[in-house]
Amino acid sequence: MAGLSDIQLPEVPEGTPINDLIAGLVRPGSPLEMGEVELNGVTFNGFKAQPPTMREAYMMMAAHGDKEAIYYEGERYSFAETLARAGRLSHRLVDDFGVKPGDKVAIAMRNYPEYIFAYLAITAAGGVAVLLNAWWGAEELSFALKDSGAKLVIADERRTDILIPQADAMDLTLIEVRGPDRGDGRIHAMAPLLDDAGKAGFPTTPIAPDDDAHMMYTSGSTGFPKAAVHTHRACVFVLMTWVVLALALKMSRKIGDDEVPVALVAVPFFHITGLMPVMLVSMTLGRKLVIMYKWSAKNACELIEQEKVTGFSGVPTMGYELATYPDRHKYDLSSMKDIGGGGAARPAEHVRLLEDNLKVKPGLGYGLTETNSIGAVITDEDYKKRPNSTGKASYPMTEIKIMEPTALTEMPQGERGEIWIKTIANARGYWNRPEETKAAFVDGWFRTGDVGYLDEEGFLFIVDRIKDIIIRGGENISTLEVESVLHAIDGVENVLVMGVPCPVMGERVAAVIHRRSPDMTRDDIWAEAGKHLAKFKLPEAVFFTDEPFPIIASGKVDKKGMKDTYRARWDAMLKDKGDSA
């Protein structure tokens, strides 16, 4: 397609609705024109001039040339250098490691510039990037590698340490990022693969639009993580969609061409928000990424001042911590214009807090791993008027409807039901999970498992979840996975795991445990469960009972009654202690 700089943006009247601006951008004859695309017997709305694969889409980065693309801990990389490094690595993956189209290559690391180089390199070579949660422990990493079939892993030093004991048994080859020379034939340093003045550009390995680009694991109600698989067509559509949204917002806010966008990055790239709207959309739009090593409000203020950051997107917890940081007044934060959010709900009172304390325009996005980050978006005056809403579907790119989950009939406006999302960006399914794929993906629609309703203007309000999932600071945690680990602990008779509300993290993990011995403590639970679960999944509130769980007339445990009882106890604890629990 034509470069983004070639798209002429007309002047529009003040207050023009965002969806009207979108309609103008995708009109017939526009470089962003949309039309019908048939895929597997389903008709979708698609972009007529969409690049066929991510490899072609990456070439849009070349238009940004020597502009700064990445800042990390004193290191700076231009768009041209980022593209060149990714290209060199891509050739080495093919020539030295034998990566062929469809081969799975895992990425297991925290946010480093090398994460960007690796993702671009893998997908441009025709490989499938398997994105692993860097907070996982050995068991979780092992499960995902076995499930995906990945034999080549690009990992940082910490994840390499975890994987080395399993490397021989699983026949893994590791490319280590920022680690020492280990003198091990299975472990290759990444630095020489990036710095070698090898072949220019990307490999010419054939890639088709409907070839797989990446797999991303998400916790499900079954207790086992499953990988949503996205194709090149789906991923490019996401980039194009966010380009349209960015241009519409630019017109709405009268943003000039001379304003340089700079994004602070604290959300992990292994999350769909970090991968698509933050990392890859930034590479497409020419938005500089300022990568944080670890989130803290203090460090965020320092980087905002130093790098003239204009926008920030993370889980709502982070925006709240920044807005309430006591020393924020010591820093020049005047460059900040936006604070976005995703991955969890933002309390309504935080919307005004962000605007008042930071003088920014808060926004919120609703999307899922399965929808490749696409769903609904809300910002500016719409968000101020409806702080409990998660926005509108960006039509015609995205469609949302509310369905009765059992009868599968569409609900009238204003009535609650399951939220379904239709877009060509949706995953093609779950890896090796045909039954779960069939249940979740229906005629182009994804069944989110979230309960909500649409108001008379089409704004979406999420009110509940059908799936038994806890969302802690943007991380999805399966209650069944945690329950299965706790059940296996000696001395535990019965377990109920649930989410309890938290004004900072959204939710925290709580467990009610029927113990056999009154001597059992939370430390005992943490010591045993910590051998199998990542730390963020461990129950922060543990309620012990020496009595059997209550039973209802059907003979089942009274889960609803127990949840009501123990959530009330949690609320009382918060009132007594403040938000220190």
Protein backbone atom coordinates (compact mmCIF):
# COMPACT_ATOMS: atom_id res chain seq x y z
CA MET A 1 0.00 0.00 0.00
CA ALA A 2 1.02 3.65 -0.20
CA GLY A 3 3.08 5.08 2.63
CA LEU A 4 1.11 6.49 5.53
CA SER A 5 2.56 9.93 4.79
CA ASP A 6 0.81 9.81 1.40
CA ILE A 7 -2.64 9.69 3.02
CA GLN A 8 -4.14 13.16 2.95
CA LEU A 9 -6.22 13.98 6.02
CA PRO A 10 -9.01 16.51 5.47
CA GLU A 11 -10.00 19.19 7.95
CA VAL A 12 -13.07 18.09 9.88
CA PRO A 13 -15.56 20.03 12.02
CA GLU A 14 -14.95 20.07 15.77
CA GLY A 15 -16.78 17.27 17.54
CA THR A 16 -17.12 14.97 14.53
CA PRO A 17 -17.77 11.44 15.90
CA ILE A 18 -14.80 9.08 15.61
CA ASN A 19 -16.80 6.50 13.65
CA ASP A 20 -17.71 9.18 11.08
CA LEU A 21 -14.02 9.95 10.67
CA ILE A 22 -13.32 6.23 10.25
CA ALA A 23 -15.99 6.00 7.56
CA GLY A 24 -14.23 8.78 5.65
CA LEU A 25 -10.84 7.10 5.90
CA VAL A 26 -12.07 3.74 4.56
CA ARG A 27 -14.32 5.22 1.85
CA PRO A 28 -14.12 3.97 -1.78
CA GLY A 29 -11.05 5.32 -3.55
CA SER A 30 -9.08 5.85 -0.34
CA PRO A 31 -5.73 4.06 0.20
CA LEU A 32 -7.48 2.51 3.20
CA GLU A 33 -10.61 1.49 1.29
CA MET A 34 -12.48 -1.47 2.71
CA GLY A 35 -14.58 -4.11 1.02
CA GLU A 36 -15.90 -7.62 1.53
CA VAL A 37 -13.47 -10.52 1.85
CA GLU A 38 -14.62 -14.14 1.89
CA LEU A 39 -12.58 -16.49 4.05
CA ASN A 40 -13.51 -20.12 4.73
CA GLY A 41 -17.06 -19.46 3.66
CA VAL A 42 -17.49 -16.42 5.91
CA THR A 43 -17.73 -12.83 4.65
CA PHE A 44 -15.64 -10.25 6.52
CA ASN A 45 -14.85 -6.58 6.08
CA GLY A 46 -11.25 -6.22 4.88
CA PHE A 47 -8.81 -3.66 3.49
CA LYS A 48 -8.50 -3.82 -0.30
CA ALA A 49 -4.85 -2.71 -0.42
CA GLN A 50 -3.68 -4.65 2.63
CA PRO A 51 -0.11 -6.01 2.36
CA PRO A 52 -0.34 -9.79 1.92
CA THR A 53 1.92 -10.74 4.83
CA MET A 54 3.68 -9.20 7.80
CA ARG A 55 6.96 -9.25 5.86
CA GLU A 56 5.60 -6.73 3.37
CA ALA A 57 3.97 -4.73 6.17
CA TYR A 58 7.34 -4.38 7.91
CA MET A 59 8.68 -2.53 4.90
CA MET A 60 6.53 0.43 5.95
CA MET A 61 9.18 0.91 8.64
CA ALA A 62 11.69 1.87 5.96
CA ALA A 63 9.81 5.13 5.37
CA HIS A 64 10.79 6.25 8.89
CA GLY A 65 14.49 5.81 8.11
CA ASP A 66 16.89 7.25 10.67
CA LYS A 67 14.17 8.40 13.06
CA GLU A 68 14.59 6.89 16.50
CA ALA A 69 12.53 3.74 16.93
CA ILE A 70 13.67 2.25 20.26
CA TYR A 71 15.21 3.57 23.46
CA TYR A 72 16.26 1.15 26.19
CA GLU A 73 18.59 1.80 29.14
CA GLY A 74 20.78 4.22 27.17
CA GLU A 75 20.65 2.21 23.92
CA ARG A 76 19.08 3.80 20.84
CA TYR A 77 18.04 2.18 17.57
CA SER A 78 16.62 3.85 14.47
CA PHE A 79 13.86 2.35 12.36
CA ALA A 80 16.41 1.59 9.64
CA GLU A 81 18.71 -0.16 12.11
CA THR A 82 15.83 -2.11 13.65
CA LEU A 83 14.81 -3.32 10.20
CA ALA A 84 18.39 -4.21 9.30
CA ARG A 85 19.00 -6.18 12.51
CA ALA A 86 15.74 -8.06 12.12
CA GLY A 87 16.67 -8.85 8.53
CA ARG A 88 20.10 -10.19 9.43
CA LEU A 89 18.65 -12.36 12.19
CA SER A 90 15.93 -13.61 9.85
CA HIS A 91 18.53 -14.82 7.34
CA ARG A 92 20.54 -16.52 10.09
CA LEU A 93 17.44 -18.32 11.36
CA VAL A 94 16.95 -19.75 7.88
CA ASP A 95 20.59 -20.38 6.92
CA ASP A 96 22.11 -21.45 10.26
CA PHE A 97 19.18 -22.89 12.19
CA GLY A 98 17.17 -24.33 9.31
CA VAL A 99 13.91 -22.52 10.05
CA LYS A 100 11.36 -23.38 7.38
CA PRO A 101 7.85 -22.03 6.74
CA GLY A 102 5.56 -23.15 9.56
CA ASP A 103 8.36 -24.02 11.99
CA LYS A 104 7.66 -22.91 15.56
CA VAL A 105 10.24 -20.61 17.15
CA ALA A 106 9.56 -19.61 20.74
CA ILE A 107 10.37 -16.26 22.35
CA ALA A 108 10.82 -16.32 26.14
CA MET A 109 12.15 -13.05 27.49
CA ARG A 110 11.26 -9.82 29.19
CA ASN A 111 10.96 -6.61 27.14
CA TYR A 112 14.26 -5.98 25.38
CA PRO A 113 14.95 -4.47 21.94
CA GLU A 114 15.88 -8.00 20.91
CA TYR A 115 12.26 -9.04 21.41
CA ILE A 116 11.31 -6.78 18.52
CA PHE A 117 14.19 -8.00 16.33
CA ALA A 118 13.26 -11.62 17.09
CA TYR A 119 9.54 -11.33 16.36
CA LEU A 120 10.15 -9.52 13.06
CA ALA A 121 12.85 -12.01 12.08
CA ILE A 122 10.81 -15.14 12.83
CA THR A 123 7.65 -14.03 11.06
CA ALA A 124 9.52 -12.58 8.06
CA ALA A 125 11.26 -15.94 7.61
CA GLY A 126 7.90 -17.74 7.51
CA GLY A 127 8.31 -19.17 11.01
CA VAL A 128 5.61 -19.08 13.65
CA ALA A 129 6.51 -17.01 16.72
CA VAL A 130 5.42 -18.84 19.89
CA LEU A 131 5.16 -16.13 22.54
CA LEU A 132 5.76 -17.44 26.06
CA ASN A 133 4.89 -15.63 29.26
CA ALA A 134 8.19 -14.54 30.84
CA TRP A 135 6.64 -14.81 34.30
CA TRP A 136 6.06 -18.54 33.92
CA GLY A 137 8.07 -21.12 35.80
CA ALA A 138 9.72 -24.27 34.49
CA GLU A 139 6.55 -26.39 34.37
CA GLU A 140 4.53 -23.79 32.46
CA LEU A 141 7.32 -23.11 29.96
CA SER A 142 7.83 -26.84 29.45
CA PHE A 143 4.13 -27.41 28.83
CA ALA A 144 3.92 -24.68 26.18
CA LEU A 145 7.07 -25.84 24.38
CA LYS A 146 5.82 -29.42 24.24
CA ASP A 147 2.33 -28.30 23.21
CA SER A 148 3.56 -26.02 20.41
CA GLY A 149 6.35 -28.28 19.21
CA ALA A 150 8.92 -25.45 19.28
CA LYS A 151 12.50 -26.74 19.29
CA LEU A 152 14.26 -23.40 18.85
CA VAL A 153 13.88 -20.85 21.65
CA ILE A 154 15.10 -17.24 21.76
CA ALA A 155 15.41 -16.48 25.47
CA ASP A 156 17.02 -14.04 27.87
CA GLU A 157 19.45 -15.17 30.56
CA ARG A 158 16.82 -15.85 33.22
CA ARG A 159 14.64 -17.99 30.94
CA THR A 160 17.72 -19.75 29.55
CA ASP A 161 18.68 -20.75 33.10
CA ILE A 162 15.21 -22.23 33.58
CA LEU A 163 15.30 -24.14 30.28
CA ILE A 164 18.85 -25.55 30.38
CA PRO A 165 17.94 -28.52 32.60
CA GLN A 166 15.23 -29.49 30.10
CA ALA A 167 17.16 -28.75 26.89
CA ASP A 168 18.52 -32.25 26.26
CA ALA A 169 15.33 -34.10 27.12
CA MET A 170 13.24 -31.78 24.95
CA ASP A 171 15.86 -31.47 22.18
CA LEU A 172 15.89 -27.67 22.47
CA THR A 173 18.28 -25.26 20.79
CA LEU A 174 18.58 -21.91 22.58
CA ILE A 175 19.55 -18.48 21.27
CA GLU A 176 20.41 -16.44 24.34
CA VAL A 177 19.82 -12.70 24.59
CA ARG A 178 22.20 -10.59 26.72
CA GLY A 179 23.74 -13.60 28.40
CA PRO A 180 27.28 -14.87 28.94
CA ASP A 181 29.17 -17.18 26.58
CA ARG A 182 28.24 -20.54 28.12
CA GLY A 183 30.43 -22.73 25.91
CA ASP A 184 27.47 -25.03 25.34
CA GLY A 185 26.70 -26.30 21.85
CA ARG A 186 22.97 -26.02 22.45
CA ILE A 187 23.20 -22.34 23.42
CA HIS A 188 24.06 -19.64 20.89
CA ALA A 189 24.62 -15.96 21.70
CA MET A 190 22.29 -13.64 19.83
CA ALA A 191 24.63 -10.63 19.57
CA PRO A 192 26.79 -12.05 16.72
CA LEU A 193 23.65 -12.96 14.80
CA LEU A 194 22.51 -9.32 14.93
CA ASP A 195 25.81 -7.55 14.36
CA ASP A 196 27.15 -9.69 11.53
CA ALA A 197 27.13 -7.73 8.28
CA GLY A 198 25.36 -10.53 6.47
CA LYS A 199 22.57 -10.58 3.95
CA ALA A 200 20.43 -7.46 3.59
CA GLY A 201 16.65 -7.39 3.69
CA PHE A 202 14.49 -10.36 4.60
CA PRO A 203 14.58 -13.91 3.20
CA THR A 204 12.39 -14.55 0.17
CA THR A 205 10.89 -17.73 1.61
CA PRO A 206 7.33 -18.00 0.24
CA ILE A 207 4.69 -16.90 2.76
CA ALA A 208 0.95 -16.91 2.10
CA PRO A 209 -1.58 -14.56 3.76
CA ASP A 210 -3.25 -17.42 5.61
CA ASP A 211 -0.04 -18.94 6.92
CA ASP A 212 0.35 -18.76 10.70
CA ALA A 213 2.31 -15.80 12.09
CA HIS A 214 2.21 -16.32 15.86
CA MET A 215 0.77 -18.34 18.72
CA MET A 216 -0.03 -16.76 22.07
CA TYR A 217 -1.04 -18.69 25.17
CA THR A 218 -4.02 -17.65 27.21
CA SER A 219 -5.43 -19.13 30.40
CA GLY A 220 -8.77 -20.79 29.88
CA SER A 221 -11.53 -22.05 32.13
CA THR A 222 -10.29 -25.63 31.60
CA GLY A 223 -7.22 -24.88 33.70
CA PHE A 224 -4.72 -25.58 30.91
CA PRO A 225 -3.27 -22.70 28.86
CA LYS A 226 -4.17 -22.90 25.20
CA ALA A 227 -2.60 -21.10 22.26
CA ALA A 228 -4.62 -18.80 20.01
CA VAL A 229 -3.15 -18.96 16.50
CA HIS A 230 -3.16 -15.87 14.26
CA THR A 231 -2.37 -15.72 10.57
CA HIS A 232 -0.42 -13.10 8.62
CA ARG A 233 -3.70 -11.83 7.15
CA ALA A 234 -5.13 -11.38 10.64
CA CYS A 235 -2.04 -9.61 11.99
CA VAL A 236 -1.74 -7.21 9.04
CA PHE A 237 -5.43 -6.39 9.45
CA VAL A 238 -4.74 -5.43 13.06
CA LEU A 239 -1.98 -3.06 11.96
CA MET A 240 -4.25 -1.50 9.36
CA THR A 241 -7.10 -1.15 11.85
CA TRP A 242 -4.92 0.64 14.41
CA VAL A 243 -3.57 2.89 11.64
CA VAL A 244 -7.14 3.92 10.84
CA LEU A 245 -7.91 4.53 14.52
CA ALA A 246 -4.72 6.57 14.96
CA LEU A 247 -5.46 8.72 11.91
CA ALA A 248 -9.05 9.27 13.03
CA LEU A 249 -7.83 10.40 16.44
CA LYS A 250 -5.24 12.64 14.81
CA MET A 251 -7.99 14.39 12.84
CA SER A 252 -10.28 14.62 15.85
CA ARG A 253 -7.61 16.20 18.05
CA LYS A 254 -6.08 18.40 15.30
CA ILE A 255 -2.63 16.86 15.86
CA GLY A 256 -0.01 18.38 13.57
CA ASP A 257 2.47 16.43 11.43
CA ASP A 258 5.35 17.96 13.38
CA GLU A 259 4.32 16.28 16.66
CA VAL A 260 6.55 13.23 17.19
CA PRO A 261 4.77 10.34 18.96
CA VAL A 262 6.74 8.62 21.72
CA ALA A 263 5.28 5.69 23.68
CA LEU A 264 6.39 4.52 27.11
CA VAL A 265 6.34 0.70 27.20
CA ALA A 266 5.66 -1.13 30.44
CA VAL A 267 3.19 -3.80 29.29
CA PRO A 268 4.95 -7.04 28.28
CA PHE A 269 5.36 -7.79 24.58
CA PHE A 270 4.12 -11.34 25.28
CA HIS A 271 0.68 -9.84 25.99
CA ILE A 272 -1.53 -9.11 23.00
CA THR A 273 -1.73 -5.42 23.99
CA GLY A 274 2.04 -5.16 24.17
CA LEU A 275 2.57 -7.07 20.95
CA MET A 276 0.05 -5.56 18.55
CA PRO A 277 -1.14 -2.02 19.45
CA VAL A 278 2.10 -1.13 21.27
CA MET A 279 5.05 -2.88 19.60
CA LEU A 280 3.98 -3.61 16.04
CA VAL A 281 1.68 -0.65 15.48
CA SER A 282 4.46 1.64 16.71
CA MET A 283 6.85 0.14 14.18
CA THR A 284 4.27 0.79 11.45
CA LEU A 285 3.28 4.34 12.45
CA GLY A 286 6.79 5.57 13.23
CA ARG A 287 6.16 5.92 16.95
CA LYS A 288 9.26 5.69 19.13
CA LEU A 289 9.20 3.07 21.90
CA VAL A 290 10.76 3.85 25.27
CA ILE A 291 11.12 0.46 26.93
CA MET A 292 11.17 0.20 30.72
CA TYR A 293 13.21 -2.54 32.35
CA LYS A 294 10.70 -2.78 35.18
CA TRP A 295 7.61 -0.76 35.99
CA SER A 296 7.76 1.88 38.70
CA ALA A 297 6.04 5.24 38.82
CA LYS A 298 9.35 6.95 39.64
CA ASN A 299 11.17 5.44 36.67
CA ALA A 300 8.19 6.25 34.44
CA CYS A 301 8.35 9.92 35.46
CA GLU A 302 12.09 10.02 34.78
CA LEU A 303 11.66 8.53 31.30
CA ILE A 304 8.68 10.72 30.41
CA GLU A 305 10.73 13.81 31.20
CA GLN A 306 13.94 12.57 29.57
CA GLU A 307 12.47 11.17 26.33
CA LYS A 308 9.49 13.56 25.97
CA VAL A 309 7.01 10.70 26.07
CA THR A 310 3.61 11.58 24.57
CA GLY A 311 1.65 8.44 25.35
CA PHE A 312 1.53 5.42 27.58
CA SER A 313 -0.54 2.27 27.45
CA GLY A 314 -0.58 -0.36 30.17
CA VAL A 315 -2.87 -2.12 32.55
CA PRO A 316 -5.05 0.43 34.41
CA THR A 317 -3.08 -0.21 37.61
CA MET A 318 -0.06 1.51 36.09
CA GLY A 319 -1.96 4.65 35.11
CA TYR A 320 -3.37 4.87 38.62
CA GLU A 321 0.08 4.52 40.21
CA LEU A 322 1.48 7.23 37.95
CA ALA A 323 -1.41 9.61 38.68
CA THR A 324 -1.07 9.14 42.44
CA TYR A 325 2.74 9.07 42.66
CA PRO A 326 3.53 11.66 45.37
CA ASP A 327 6.68 13.02 43.66
CA ARG A 328 5.24 13.39 40.17
CA HIS A 329 5.29 17.19 40.51
CA LYS A 330 9.10 17.11 40.58
CA TYR A 331 9.18 16.03 36.92
CA ASP A 332 8.24 17.75 33.67
CA LEU A 333 5.42 15.53 32.41
CA SER A 334 3.97 18.14 30.06
CA SER A 335 4.76 16.11 26.92
CA MET A 336 2.22 13.46 27.97
CA LYS A 337 -1.03 13.57 26.02
CA ASP A 338 -2.57 10.10 26.41
CA ILE A 339 -2.82 7.24 28.86
CA GLY A 340 -4.41 4.17 27.38
CA GLY A 341 -5.39 1.00 29.14
CA GLY A 342 -6.27 -2.58 28.42
CA GLY A 343 -6.18 -6.07 29.89
CA ALA A 344 -8.45 -5.24 32.82
CA ALA A 345 -11.26 -2.90 33.83
CA ARG A 346 -10.45 0.63 34.99
CA PRO A 347 -12.49 1.91 37.95
CA ALA A 348 -14.72 4.77 36.79
CA GLU A 349 -13.29 7.21 39.35
CA HIS A 350 -9.81 6.78 37.85
CA VAL A 351 -10.87 8.37 34.55
CA ARG A 352 -11.26 11.81 36.14
CA LEU A 353 -8.23 11.21 38.36
CA LEU A 354 -5.95 10.69 35.35
CA GLU A 355 -7.20 13.82 33.65
CA ASP A 356 -7.01 15.98 36.76
CA ASN A 357 -3.63 14.80 38.08
CA LEU A 358 -1.74 14.27 34.82
CA LYS A 359 -3.59 16.59 32.40
CA VAL A 360 -3.92 13.76 29.88
CA LYS A 361 -6.72 12.22 27.85
CA PRO A 362 -7.36 8.73 29.23
CA GLY A 363 -8.53 5.93 26.97
CA LEU A 364 -9.43 2.28 27.24
CA GLY A 365 -9.41 -0.63 24.82
CA TYR A 366 -11.24 -3.92 24.99
CA GLY A 367 -9.79 -6.82 23.08
CA LEU A 368 -8.68 -10.35 23.79
CA THR A 369 -5.83 -12.61 22.82
CA GLU A 370 -8.27 -14.46 20.55
CA THR A 371 -9.31 -11.24 18.79
CA ASN A 372 -5.68 -10.15 18.31
CA SER A 373 -6.35 -7.01 20.45
CA ILE A 374 -9.28 -5.81 18.33
CA GLY A 375 -12.64 -5.07 19.97
CA ALA A 376 -13.85 -1.72 21.28
CA VAL A 377 -12.11 1.58 22.06
CA ILE A 378 -13.16 4.65 24.03
CA THR A 379 -11.37 7.96 24.65
CA ASP A 380 -11.73 11.72 25.05
CA GLU A 381 -15.24 13.11 25.71
CA ASP A 382 -16.92 9.75 25.12
CA TYR A 383 -14.90 8.27 27.98
CA LYS A 384 -15.55 11.20 30.31
CA LYS A 385 -19.28 10.86 29.74
CA ARG A 386 -19.28 7.06 30.08
CA PRO A 387 -16.42 6.07 32.42
CA ASN A 388 -17.97 2.64 32.96
CA SER A 389 -17.99 1.82 29.25
CA THR A 390 -15.26 0.08 27.32
CA GLY A 391 -16.19 1.85 24.09
CA LYS A 392 -17.63 1.22 20.66
CA ALA A 393 -16.73 -1.32 18.03
CA SER A 394 -14.74 0.44 15.32
CA TYR A 395 -17.07 -0.29 12.41
CA PRO A 396 -16.59 -1.44 9.66
CA MET A 397 -13.37 -3.10 10.87
CA THR A 398 -15.06 -4.67 13.90
CA GLU A 399 -18.56 -5.89 14.72
CA ILE A 400 -19.92 -6.63 18.20
CA LYS A 401 -23.20 -8.25 19.18
CA ILE A 402 -24.76 -9.46 22.42
CA MET A 403 -26.01 -13.05 22.42
CA GLU A 404 -28.02 -15.26 24.73
CA PRO A 405 -25.30 -17.84 25.47
CA THR A 406 -27.50 -20.94 25.51
CA ALA A 407 -30.19 -20.29 22.88
CA LEU A 408 -27.66 -18.37 20.72
CA THR A 409 -30.15 -15.64 19.86
CA GLU A 410 -29.22 -11.97 19.65
CA MET A 411 -30.30 -9.90 22.64
CA PRO A 412 -32.24 -6.63 22.28
CA GLN A 413 -30.40 -3.35 22.83
CA GLY A 414 -29.78 -2.73 26.53
CA GLU A 415 -30.16 -6.35 27.61
CA ARG A 416 -27.29 -8.42 28.96
CA GLY A 417 -25.76 -11.39 27.23
CA GLU A 418 -22.47 -12.84 26.02
CA ILE A 419 -20.27 -10.48 24.00
CA TRP A 420 -19.41 -11.79 20.52
CA ILE A 421 -16.79 -10.12 18.30
CA LYS A 422 -16.41 -10.52 14.53
CA THR A 423 -13.32 -9.37 12.67
CA ILE A 424 -10.90 -10.86 10.18
CA ALA A 425 -8.26 -10.39 12.92
CA ASN A 426 -9.77 -13.18 15.03
CA ALA A 427 -7.60 -16.24 15.68
CA ARG A 428 -8.12 -19.12 13.30
CA GLY A 429 -8.55 -21.26 16.41
CA TYR A 430 -6.74 -22.86 19.33
CA TRP A 431 -3.65 -24.94 18.64
CA ASN A 432 -4.46 -28.67 18.92
CA ARG A 433 -7.84 -27.91 20.53
CA PRO A 434 -10.49 -28.68 17.86
CA GLU A 435 -13.40 -29.01 20.28
CA GLU A 436 -12.60 -25.78 22.12
CA THR A 437 -12.08 -24.05 18.77
CA LYS A 438 -15.49 -25.20 17.57
CA ALA A 439 -17.14 -23.97 20.76
CA ALA A 440 -15.48 -20.55 20.81
CA PHE A 441 -15.38 -19.57 17.11
CA VAL A 442 -18.74 -19.52 15.34
CA ASP A 443 -19.17 -18.32 11.72
CA GLY A 444 -16.44 -15.70 12.06
CA TRP A 445 -17.52 -14.58 15.53
CA PHE A 446 -15.53 -15.17 18.73
CA ARG A 447 -17.49 -15.91 21.88
CA THR A 448 -15.65 -13.89 24.52
CA GLY A 449 -17.15 -15.41 27.65
CA ASP A 450 -17.71 -11.87 28.91
CA VAL A 451 -21.19 -10.61 29.77
CA GLY A 452 -22.24 -7.13 28.71
CA TYR A 453 -24.76 -4.94 26.94
CA LEU A 454 -24.86 -2.23 24.29
CA ASP A 455 -26.56 1.09 25.00
CA GLU A 456 -28.67 3.04 22.53
CA GLU A 457 -25.56 4.60 20.94
CA GLY A 458 -23.68 1.33 20.61
CA PHE A 459 -21.32 1.75 23.57
CA LEU A 460 -20.34 -1.52 25.22
CA PHE A 461 -20.59 -2.09 28.98
CA ILE A 462 -19.01 -5.22 30.49
CA VAL A 463 -20.71 -6.39 33.66
CA ASP A 464 -19.58 -9.97 34.34
CA ARG A 465 -17.72 -13.01 33.03
CA ILE A 466 -19.03 -16.42 32.11
CA LYS A 467 -15.53 -17.91 32.19
CA ASP A 468 -14.05 -18.71 35.59
CA ILE A 469 -11.01 -16.47 35.13
CA ILE A 470 -9.31 -13.99 37.46
CA ILE A 471 -7.72 -10.91 35.86
CA ARG A 472 -4.97 -9.62 38.14
CA GLY A 473 -3.23 -6.54 36.80
CA GLY A 474 -3.95 -7.64 33.23
CA GLU A 475 -2.82 -11.25 33.76
CA ASN A 476 -5.42 -13.96 33.12
CA ILE A 477 -5.36 -16.63 35.83
CA SER A 478 -7.38 -19.82 35.61
CA THR A 479 -9.05 -20.63 38.92
CA LEU A 480 -9.08 -24.31 37.97
CA GLU A 481 -5.32 -24.34 37.37
CA VAL A 482 -4.67 -22.84 40.81
CA GLU A 483 -7.22 -25.16 42.43
CA SER A 484 -5.60 -28.25 40.91
CA VAL A 485 -2.20 -27.30 42.37
CA LEU A 486 -3.64 -26.50 45.82
CA HIS A 487 -5.66 -29.72 45.87
CA ALA A 488 -2.44 -31.71 45.45
CA ILE A 489 -0.88 -30.26 48.62
CA ASP A 490 -0.77 -32.74 51.46
CA GLY A 491 -3.24 -31.75 54.16
CA VAL A 492 -5.67 -29.92 51.84
CA GLU A 493 -9.15 -31.47 51.88
CA ASN A 494 -10.97 -29.07 49.55
CA VAL A 495 -10.29 -25.78 47.74
CA LEU A 496 -12.23 -22.91 46.20
CA VAL A 497 -10.23 -20.29 44.27
CA MET A 498 -11.85 -17.00 43.27
CA GLY A 499 -11.08 -13.41 42.42
CA VAL A 500 -11.59 -10.69 45.00
CA PRO A 501 -11.87 -7.01 44.03
CA CYS A 502 -8.88 -4.71 44.36
CA PRO A 503 -8.84 -0.98 43.53
CA VAL A 504 -5.23 -1.21 42.35
CA MET A 505 -4.85 -4.60 40.60
CA GLY A 506 -8.49 -4.99 39.53
CA GLU A 507 -8.62 -8.42 41.16
CA ARG A 508 -6.45 -10.53 43.43
CA VAL A 509 -6.34 -14.29 43.83
CA ALA A 510 -8.06 -15.66 46.93
CA ALA A 511 -8.38 -19.25 48.12
CA VAL A 512 -10.71 -20.87 50.63
CA ILE A 513 -9.07 -24.05 51.92
CA HIS A 514 -10.61 -26.81 54.00
CA ARG A 515 -7.52 -28.09 55.82
CA ARG A 516 -7.04 -31.35 57.70
CA SER A 517 -4.75 -29.78 60.30
CA PRO A 518 -5.24 -26.44 62.09
CA ASP A 519 -1.47 -25.97 61.94
CA MET A 520 -1.45 -25.33 58.17
CA THR A 521 -0.51 -21.71 57.27
CA ARG A 522 -0.43 -19.51 54.21
CA ASP A 523 3.37 -19.87 54.15
CA ASP A 524 2.91 -23.64 53.83
CA ILE A 525 0.57 -23.12 50.88
CA TRP A 526 2.95 -20.67 49.17
CA ALA A 527 5.97 -22.92 49.68
CA GLU A 528 4.30 -25.90 48.00
CA ALA A 529 2.24 -24.09 45.35
CA GLY A 530 5.22 -21.91 44.42
CA LYS A 531 6.97 -25.02 43.10
CA HIS A 532 4.36 -25.30 40.34
CA LEU A 533 2.81 -21.85 39.84
CA ALA A 534 4.21 -18.50 38.77
CA LYS A 535 4.24 -16.06 41.69
CA PHE A 536 1.44 -13.88 40.32
CA LYS A 537 -0.91 -16.89 40.43
CA LEU A 538 -0.38 -17.63 44.13
CA PRO A 539 -3.36 -16.78 46.38
CA GLU A 540 -2.70 -13.49 48.16
CA ALA A 541 -5.66 -14.01 50.46
CA VAL A 542 -5.97 -17.47 52.03
CA PHE A 543 -9.02 -18.25 54.14
CA PHE A 544 -8.80 -21.49 56.13
CA THR A 545 -11.76 -23.45 57.39
CA ASP A 546 -11.74 -26.60 59.49
CA GLU A 547 -15.30 -27.44 58.42
CA PRO A 548 -16.44 -29.16 55.18
CA PHE A 549 -17.66 -26.84 52.41
CA PRO A 550 -21.44 -26.16 52.46
CA ILE A 551 -23.56 -28.25 50.10
CA ILE A 552 -26.71 -27.16 48.21
CA ALA A 553 -29.74 -29.34 47.41
CA SER A 554 -28.16 -30.74 44.23
CA GLY A 555 -25.31 -32.16 46.31
CA LYS A 556 -22.81 -29.67 44.87
CA VAL A 557 -20.66 -27.22 46.81
CA ASP A 558 -22.41 -23.88 47.35
CA LYS A 559 -19.78 -21.93 45.39
CA LYS A 560 -21.93 -18.83 44.99
CA GLY A 561 -22.71 -18.61 48.68
CA MET A 562 -19.08 -19.19 49.60
CA LYS A 563 -17.87 -16.53 47.18
CA ASP A 564 -20.35 -14.02 48.61
CA THR A 565 -19.27 -14.85 52.16
CA TYR A 566 -15.53 -14.65 51.62
CA ARG A 567 -15.65 -11.63 49.34
CA ALA A 568 -17.51 -9.86 52.15
CA ARG A 569 -14.73 -10.90 54.53
CA TRP A 570 -12.16 -9.58 52.07
CA ASP A 571 -13.98 -6.25 51.82
CA ALA A 572 -14.02 -6.00 55.61
CA MET A 573 -10.27 -6.71 55.70
CA LEU A 574 -9.64 -3.90 53.21
CA LYS A 575 -11.67 -1.46 55.27
CA ASP A 576 -9.78 -2.41 58.42
CA LYS A 577 -6.30 -2.31 56.88
CA GLY A 578 -6.68 0.08 53.95
CA ASP A 579 -5.45 -1.25 50.60
CA SER A 580 -2.52 -3.12 52.12
CA ALA A 581 -3.93 -6.64 51.84
